[in-house]
Amino acid sequence: MEQVAAVQQVDDESEIIMARHPHHLEGDSSRTLSPAQRYASFQKANKHRASVAARFAATLPFDLDDFQTEANDALEA
């Protein structure tokens, strides 16, 4: 009985660890994107990282929430 409980505990912990892995956090939509769509997404992310708004956000000692990010991006536009 103890072995079964130990196996169950190990299985539960590995599921938790796997759930936190970035690959497992991605939605199903990332698996259905075409190579062109993935590349376009990559270019958009790189363009945003190079923006003044993103550089400003990187200097802050905290992460911006969605509202703050949208407002920060709107100031640059």
PDB file of N, CA and C in Angstrom:
ATOM      1  N   MET A   1       0.819  -1.183   0.000  1.00  0.00           N
ATOM      2  CA  MET A   1       0.000   0.000   0.000  1.00  0.00           C
ATOM      3  C   MET A   1       0.871   1.259   0.000  1.00  0.00           C
ATOM      4  N   GLU A   2       1.972   1.254   0.750  1.00  0.00           N
ATOM      5  CA  GLU A   2       2.851   2.419   0.796  1.00  0.00           C
ATOM      6  C   GLU A   2       3.499   2.671  -0.557  1.00  0.00           C
ATOM      7  N   GLN A   3       3.826   1.589  -1.275  1.00  0.00           N
ATOM      8  CA  GLN A   3       4.433   1.754  -2.594  1.00  0.00           C
ATOM      9  C   GLN A   3       3.454   2.416  -3.556  1.00  0.00           C
ATOM     10  N   VAL A   4       2.200   2.025  -3.490  1.00  0.00           N
ATOM     11  CA  VAL A   4       1.192   2.617  -4.365  1.00  0.00           C
ATOM     12  C   VAL A   4       1.046   4.103  -4.059  1.00  0.00           C
ATOM     13  N   ALA A   5       1.034   4.457  -2.788  1.00  0.00           N
ATOM     14  CA  ALA A   5       0.929   5.861  -2.395  1.00  0.00           C
ATOM     15  C   ALA A   5       2.150   6.647  -2.866  1.00  0.00           C
ATOM     16  N   ALA A   6       3.334   6.037  -2.761  1.00  0.00           N
ATOM     17  CA  ALA A   6       4.555   6.707  -3.200  1.00  0.00           C
ATOM     18  C   ALA A   6       4.538   6.920  -4.707  1.00  0.00           C
ATOM     19  N   VAL A   7       4.090   5.918  -5.451  1.00  0.00           N
ATOM     20  CA  VAL A   7       3.998   6.043  -6.905  1.00  0.00           C
ATOM     21  C   VAL A   7       2.993   7.131  -7.264  1.00  0.00           C
ATOM     22  N   GLN A   8       1.862   7.135  -6.577  1.00  0.00           N
ATOM     23  CA  GLN A   8       0.843   8.156  -6.834  1.00  0.00           C
ATOM     24  C   GLN A   8       1.405   9.551  -6.563  1.00  0.00           C
ATOM     25  N   GLN A   9       2.152   9.689  -5.468  1.00  0.00           N
ATOM     26  CA  GLN A   9       2.728  10.984  -5.121  1.00  0.00           C
ATOM     27  C   GLN A   9       3.731  11.414  -6.185  1.00  0.00           C
ATOM     28  N   VAL A  10       4.576  10.506  -6.638  1.00  0.00           N
ATOM     29  CA  VAL A  10       5.556  10.822  -7.674  1.00  0.00           C
ATOM     30  C   VAL A  10       4.842  11.221  -8.955  1.00  0.00           C
ATOM     31  N   ASP A  11       3.798  10.482  -9.336  1.00  0.00           N
ATOM     32  CA  ASP A  11       3.046  10.820 -10.538  1.00  0.00           C
ATOM     33  C   ASP A  11       2.419  12.203 -10.418  1.00  0.00           C
ATOM     34  N   ASP A  12       1.844  12.515  -9.263  1.00  0.00           N
ATOM     35  CA  ASP A  12       1.229  13.825  -9.067  1.00  0.00           C
ATOM     36  C   ASP A  12       2.266  14.940  -9.161  1.00  0.00           C
ATOM     37  N   GLU A  13       3.443  14.736  -8.560  1.00  0.00           N
ATOM     38  CA  GLU A  13       4.493  15.751  -8.600  1.00  0.00           C
ATOM     39  C   GLU A  13       5.011  15.938 -10.014  1.00  0.00           C
ATOM     40  N   SER A  14       5.174  14.856 -10.772  1.00  0.00           N
ATOM     41  CA  SER A  14       5.673  14.995 -12.137  1.00  0.00           C
ATOM     42  C   SER A  14       4.655  15.700 -13.010  1.00  0.00           C
ATOM     43  N   GLU A  15       3.361  15.490 -12.752  1.00  0.00           N
ATOM     44  CA  GLU A  15       2.344  16.209 -13.511  1.00  0.00           C
ATOM     45  C   GLU A  15       2.408  17.694 -13.184  1.00  0.00           C
ATOM     46  N   ILE A  16       2.635  18.029 -11.931  1.00  0.00           N
ATOM     47  CA  ILE A  16       2.739  19.436 -11.546  1.00  0.00           C
ATOM     48  C   ILE A  16       3.957  20.060 -12.208  1.00  0.00           C
ATOM     49  N   ILE A  17       5.078  19.369 -12.175  1.00  0.00           N
ATOM     50  CA  ILE A  17       6.296  19.881 -12.793  1.00  0.00           C
ATOM     51  C   ILE A  17       6.096  20.032 -14.293  1.00  0.00           C
ATOM     52  N   MET A  18       5.489  19.039 -14.931  1.00  0.00           N
ATOM     53  CA  MET A  18       5.258  19.112 -16.363  1.00  0.00           C
ATOM     54  C   MET A  18       4.306  20.253 -16.700  1.00  0.00           C
ATOM     55  N   ALA A  19       3.338  20.504 -15.850  1.00  0.00           N
ATOM     56  CA  ALA A  19       2.385  21.573 -16.118  1.00  0.00           C
ATOM     57  C   ALA A  19       3.062  22.937 -16.083  1.00  0.00           C
ATOM     58  N   ARG A  20       4.146  23.063 -15.335  1.00  0.00           N
ATOM     59  CA  ARG A  20       4.853  24.339 -15.243  1.00  0.00           C
ATOM     60  C   ARG A  20       5.862  24.526 -16.368  1.00  0.00           C
ATOM     61  N   HIS A  21       6.208  23.477 -17.062  1.00  0.00           N
ATOM     62  CA  HIS A  21       7.172  23.570 -18.142  1.00  0.00           C
ATOM     63  C   HIS A  21       6.572  24.418 -19.264  1.00  0.00           C
ATOM     64  N   PRO A  22       7.344  25.345 -19.837  1.00  0.00           N
ATOM     65  CA  PRO A  22       6.794  26.237 -20.860  1.00  0.00           C
ATOM     66  C   PRO A  22       6.097  25.504 -21.998  1.00  0.00           C
ATOM     67  N   HIS A  23       6.621  24.349 -22.379  1.00  0.00           N
ATOM     68  CA  HIS A  23       5.997  23.587 -23.459  1.00  0.00           C
ATOM     69  C   HIS A  23       4.570  23.203 -23.096  1.00  0.00           C
ATOM     70  N   HIS A  24       4.338  22.876 -21.842  1.00  0.00           N
ATOM     71  CA  HIS A  24       3.012  22.462 -21.407  1.00  0.00           C
ATOM     72  C   HIS A  24       2.110  23.651 -21.112  1.00  0.00           C
ATOM     73  N   LEU A  25       2.668  24.833 -20.967  1.00  0.00           N
ATOM     74  CA  LEU A  25       1.866  26.017 -20.704  1.00  0.00           C
ATOM     75  C   LEU A  25       1.319  26.619 -21.990  1.00  0.00           C
ATOM     76  N   GLU A  26       1.919  26.273 -23.121  1.00  0.00           N
ATOM     77  CA  GLU A  26       1.451  26.804 -24.385  1.00  0.00           C
ATOM     78  C   GLU A  26       0.082  26.232 -24.704  1.00  0.00           C
ATOM     79  N   GLY A  27      -0.726  27.037 -25.336  1.00  0.00           N
ATOM     80  CA  GLY A  27      -2.043  26.571 -25.732  1.00  0.00           C
ATOM     81  C   GLY A  27      -1.966  25.673 -26.950  1.00  0.00           C
ATOM     82  N   ASP A  28      -3.057  25.011 -27.254  1.00  0.00           N
ATOM     83  CA  ASP A  28      -3.106  24.151 -28.424  1.00  0.00           C
ATOM     84  C   ASP A  28      -2.931  24.943 -29.710  1.00  0.00           C
ATOM     85  N   SER A  29      -3.266  26.231 -29.691  1.00  0.00           N
ATOM     86  CA  SER A  29      -3.159  27.047 -30.894  1.00  0.00           C
ATOM     87  C   SER A  29      -1.713  27.147 -31.373  1.00  0.00           C
ATOM     88  N   SER A  30      -0.735  27.086 -30.456  1.00  0.00           N
ATOM     89  CA  SER A  30       0.659  27.187 -30.863  1.00  0.00           C
ATOM     90  C   SER A  30       1.090  25.969 -31.664  1.00  0.00           C
ATOM     91  N   ARG A  31       0.411  24.887 -31.487  1.00  0.00           N
ATOM     92  CA  ARG A  31       0.756  23.670 -32.224  1.00  0.00           C
ATOM     93  C   ARG A  31       0.154  23.673 -33.622  1.00  0.00           C
ATOM     94  N   THR A  32      -0.861  24.510 -33.854  1.00  0.00           N
ATOM     95  CA  THR A  32      -1.523  24.509 -35.146  1.00  0.00           C
ATOM     96  C   THR A  32      -1.079  25.669 -36.027  1.00  0.00           C
ATOM     97  N   LEU A  33      -0.166  26.501 -35.556  1.00  0.00           N
ATOM     98  CA  LEU A  33       0.314  27.613 -36.359  1.00  0.00           C
ATOM     99  C   LEU A  33       1.225  27.106 -37.466  1.00  0.00           C
ATOM    100  N   SER A  34       1.100  27.729 -38.616  1.00  0.00           N
ATOM    101  CA  SER A  34       1.979  27.382 -39.728  1.00  0.00           C
ATOM    102  C   SER A  34       3.354  27.995 -39.469  1.00  0.00           C
ATOM    103  N   PRO A  35       4.367  27.528 -40.186  1.00  0.00           N
ATOM    104  CA  PRO A  35       5.686  28.144 -40.019  1.00  0.00           C
ATOM    105  C   PRO A  35       5.663  29.651 -40.312  1.00  0.00           C
ATOM    106  N   ALA A  36       4.886  30.074 -41.296  1.00  0.00           N
ATOM    107  CA  ALA A  36       4.795  31.500 -41.619  1.00  0.00           C
ATOM    108  C   ALA A  36       4.152  32.278 -40.474  1.00  0.00           C
ATOM    109  N   GLN A  37       3.135  31.696 -39.845  1.00  0.00           N
ATOM    110  CA  GLN A  37       2.477  32.357 -38.720  1.00  0.00           C
ATOM    111  C   GLN A  37       3.413  32.452 -37.518  1.00  0.00           C
ATOM    112  N   ARG A  38       4.166  31.386 -37.272  1.00  0.00           N
ATOM    113  CA  ARG A  38       5.123  31.413 -36.164  1.00  0.00           C
ATOM    114  C   ARG A  38       6.199  32.467 -36.411  1.00  0.00           C
ATOM    115  N   TYR A  39       6.665  32.572 -37.661  1.00  0.00           N
ATOM    116  CA  TYR A  39       7.683  33.563 -37.998  1.00  0.00           C
ATOM    117  C   TYR A  39       7.129  34.981 -37.846  1.00  0.00           C
ATOM    118  N   ALA A  40       5.898  35.200 -38.275  1.00  0.00           N
ATOM    119  CA  ALA A  40       5.269  36.516 -38.128  1.00  0.00           C
ATOM    120  C   ALA A  40       5.135  36.877 -36.651  1.00  0.00           C
ATOM    121  N   SER A  41       4.778  35.897 -35.829  1.00  0.00           N
ATOM    122  CA  SER A  41       4.671  36.123 -34.391  1.00  0.00           C
ATOM    123  C   SER A  41       6.036  36.460 -33.798  1.00  0.00           C
ATOM    124  N   PHE A  42       7.061  35.767 -34.264  1.00  0.00           N
ATOM    125  CA  PHE A  42       8.432  36.016 -33.822  1.00  0.00           C
ATOM    126  C   PHE A  42       8.860  37.439 -34.185  1.00  0.00           C
ATOM    127  N   GLN A  43       8.568  37.860 -35.414  1.00  0.00           N
ATOM    128  CA  GLN A  43       8.929  39.206 -35.850  1.00  0.00           C
ATOM    129  C   GLN A  43       8.200  40.272 -35.034  1.00  0.00           C
ATOM    130  N   LYS A  44       6.924  40.027 -34.759  1.00  0.00           N
ATOM    131  CA  LYS A  44       6.137  40.977 -33.972  1.00  0.00           C
ATOM    132  C   LYS A  44       6.710  41.102 -32.556  1.00  0.00           C
ATOM    133  N   ALA A  45       7.073  39.963 -31.953  1.00  0.00           N
ATOM    134  CA  ALA A  45       7.647  39.976 -30.604  1.00  0.00           C
ATOM    135  C   ALA A  45       8.987  40.708 -30.592  1.00  0.00           C
ATOM    136  N   ASN A  46       9.815  40.476 -31.608  1.00  0.00           N
ATOM    137  CA  ASN A  46      11.111  41.162 -31.683  1.00  0.00           C
ATOM    138  C   ASN A  46      10.929  42.663 -31.865  1.00  0.00           C
ATOM    139  N   LYS A  47       9.960  43.050 -32.695  1.00  0.00           N
ATOM    140  CA  LYS A  47       9.690  44.474 -32.912  1.00  0.00           C
ATOM    141  C   LYS A  47       9.249  45.130 -31.602  1.00  0.00           C
ATOM    142  N   HIS A  48       8.405  44.423 -30.847  1.00  0.00           N
ATOM    143  CA  HIS A  48       7.939  44.981 -29.574  1.00  0.00           C
ATOM    144  C   HIS A  48       9.085  45.093 -28.571  1.00  0.00           C
ATOM    145  N   ARG A  49       9.954  44.079 -28.513  1.00  0.00           N
ATOM    146  CA  ARG A  49      11.085  44.119 -27.572  1.00  0.00           C
ATOM    147  C   ARG A  49      12.024  45.284 -27.867  1.00  0.00           C
ATOM    148  N   ALA A  50      12.104  45.682 -29.140  1.00  0.00           N
ATOM    149  CA  ALA A  50      12.988  46.778 -29.528  1.00  0.00           C
ATOM    150  C   ALA A  50      12.325  48.143 -29.351  1.00  0.00           C
ATOM    151  N   SER A  51      11.053  48.167 -29.011  1.00  0.00           N
ATOM    152  CA  SER A  51      10.330  49.431 -28.892  1.00  0.00           C
ATOM    153  C   SER A  51      10.755  50.190 -27.635  1.00  0.00           C
ATOM    154  N   VAL A  52      10.515  51.482 -27.666  1.00  0.00           N
ATOM    155  CA  VAL A  52      10.817  52.331 -26.512  1.00  0.00           C
ATOM    156  C   VAL A  52       9.968  51.900 -25.321  1.00  0.00           C
ATOM    157  N   ALA A  53       8.707  51.551 -25.583  1.00  0.00           N
ATOM    158  CA  ALA A  53       7.804  51.132 -24.507  1.00  0.00           C
ATOM    159  C   ALA A  53       8.330  49.883 -23.803  1.00  0.00           C
ATOM    160  N   ALA A  54       8.811  48.922 -24.572  1.00  0.00           N
ATOM    161  CA  ALA A  54       9.330  47.689 -23.973  1.00  0.00           C
ATOM    162  C   ALA A  54      10.617  47.958 -23.202  1.00  0.00           C
ATOM    163  N   ARG A  55      11.461  48.826 -23.751  1.00  0.00           N
ATOM    164  CA  ARG A  55      12.700  49.159 -23.037  1.00  0.00           C
ATOM    165  C   ARG A  55      12.398  49.883 -21.729  1.00  0.00           C
ATOM    166  N   PHE A  56      11.392  50.768 -21.746  1.00  0.00           N
ATOM    167  CA  PHE A  56      10.986  51.446 -20.517  1.00  0.00           C
ATOM    168  C   PHE A  56      10.463  50.436 -19.499  1.00  0.00           C
ATOM    169  N   ALA A  57       9.600  49.529 -19.949  1.00  0.00           N
ATOM    170  CA  ALA A  57       9.023  48.531 -19.041  1.00  0.00           C
ATOM    171  C   ALA A  57      10.118  47.657 -18.430  1.00  0.00           C
ATOM    172  N   ALA A  58      11.167  47.392 -19.191  1.00  0.00           N
ATOM    173  CA  ALA A  58      12.263  46.553 -18.689  1.00  0.00           C
ATOM    174  C   ALA A  58      13.050  47.242 -17.578  1.00  0.00           C
ATOM    175  N   THR A  59      12.981  48.565 -17.507  1.00  0.00           N
ATOM    176  CA  THR A  59      13.722  49.281 -16.461  1.00  0.00           C
ATOM    177  C   THR A  59      12.985  49.296 -15.131  1.00  0.00           C
ATOM    178  N   LEU A  60      11.720  48.933 -15.144  1.00  0.00           N
ATOM    179  CA  LEU A  60      10.919  48.974 -13.923  1.00  0.00           C
ATOM    180  C   LEU A  60      11.242  47.792 -13.017  1.00  0.00           C
ATOM    181  N   PRO A  61      11.159  47.974 -11.709  1.00  0.00           N
ATOM    182  CA  PRO A  61      11.468  46.884 -10.777  1.00  0.00           C
ATOM    183  C   PRO A  61      10.308  45.897 -10.608  1.00  0.00           C
ATOM    184  N   PHE A  62       9.269  46.031 -11.428  1.00  0.00           N
ATOM    185  CA  PHE A  62       8.106  45.144 -11.351  1.00  0.00           C
ATOM    186  C   PHE A  62       7.574  44.926 -12.759  1.00  0.00           C
ATOM    187  N   ASP A  63       6.774  43.892 -12.932  1.00  0.00           N
ATOM    188  CA  ASP A  63       6.155  43.621 -14.227  1.00  0.00           C
ATOM    189  C   ASP A  63       4.886  44.442 -14.368  1.00  0.00           C
ATOM    190  N   LEU A  64       4.651  44.932 -15.569  1.00  0.00           N
ATOM    191  CA  LEU A  64       3.421  45.662 -15.834  1.00  0.00           C
ATOM    192  C   LEU A  64       2.277  44.677 -16.030  1.00  0.00           C
ATOM    193  N   ASP A  65       1.091  45.062 -15.569  1.00  0.00           N
ATOM    194  CA  ASP A  65      -0.071  44.221 -15.842  1.00  0.00           C
ATOM    195  C   ASP A  65      -0.565  44.540 -17.259  1.00  0.00           C
ATOM    196  N   ASP A  66      -1.588  43.832 -17.715  1.00  0.00           N
ATOM    197  CA  ASP A  66      -2.063  43.998 -19.090  1.00  0.00           C
ATOM    198  C   ASP A  66      -2.510  45.432 -19.376  1.00  0.00           C
ATOM    199  N   PHE A  67      -3.232  46.035 -18.446  1.00  0.00           N
ATOM    200  CA  PHE A  67      -3.709  47.410 -18.629  1.00  0.00           C
ATOM    201  C   PHE A  67      -2.537  48.377 -18.771  1.00  0.00           C
ATOM    202  N   GLN A  68      -1.545  48.226 -17.907  1.00  0.00           N
ATOM    203  CA  GLN A  68      -0.379  49.109 -17.951  1.00  0.00           C
ATOM    204  C   GLN A  68       0.418  48.904 -19.236  1.00  0.00           C
ATOM    205  N   THR A  69       0.524  47.659 -19.674  1.00  0.00           N
ATOM    206  CA  THR A  69       1.245  47.366 -20.910  1.00  0.00           C
ATOM    207  C   THR A  69       0.551  48.007 -22.101  1.00  0.00           C
ATOM    208  N   GLU A  70      -0.767  47.875 -22.166  1.00  0.00           N
ATOM    209  CA  GLU A  70      -1.515  48.488 -23.268  1.00  0.00           C
ATOM    210  C   GLU A  70      -1.355  50.007 -23.253  1.00  0.00           C
ATOM    211  N   ALA A  71      -1.432  50.611 -22.073  1.00  0.00           N
ATOM    212  CA  ALA A  71      -1.278  52.062 -21.962  1.00  0.00           C
ATOM    213  C   ALA A  71       0.131  52.489 -22.366  1.00  0.00           C
ATOM    214  N   ASN A  72       1.127  51.750 -21.938  1.00  0.00           N
ATOM    215  CA  ASN A  72       2.513  52.045 -22.271  1.00  0.00           C
ATOM    216  C   ASN A  72       2.724  51.954 -23.781  1.00  0.00           C
ATOM    217  N   ASP A  73       2.181  50.918 -24.396  1.00  0.00           N
ATOM    218  CA  ASP A  73       2.299  50.756 -25.847  1.00  0.00           C
ATOM    219  C   ASP A  73       1.554  51.865 -26.584  1.00  0.00           C
ATOM    220  N   ALA A  74       0.408  52.290 -26.052  1.00  0.00           N
ATOM    221  CA  ALA A  74      -0.387  53.343 -26.698  1.00  0.00           C
ATOM    222  C   ALA A  74       0.358  54.675 -26.699  1.00  0.00           C
ATOM    223  N   LEU A  75       1.147  54.933 -25.674  1.00  0.00           N
ATOM    224  CA  LEU A  75       1.911  56.177 -25.626  1.00  0.00           C
ATOM    225  C   LEU A  75       2.934  56.250 -26.754  1.00  0.00           C
ATOM    226  N   GLU A  76       3.458  55.113 -27.136  1.00  0.00           N
ATOM    227  CA  GLU A  76       4.457  55.101 -28.197  1.00  0.00           C
ATOM    228  C   GLU A  76       3.813  55.226 -29.574  1.00  0.00           C
ATOM    229  N   ALA A  77       2.596  54.772 -29.706  1.00  0.00           N
ATOM    230  CA  ALA A  77       1.912  54.758 -31.017  1.00  0.00           C
ATOM    231  C   ALA A  77       1.507  56.095 -31.507  1.00  0.00           C
TER     232      ALA A  77
END
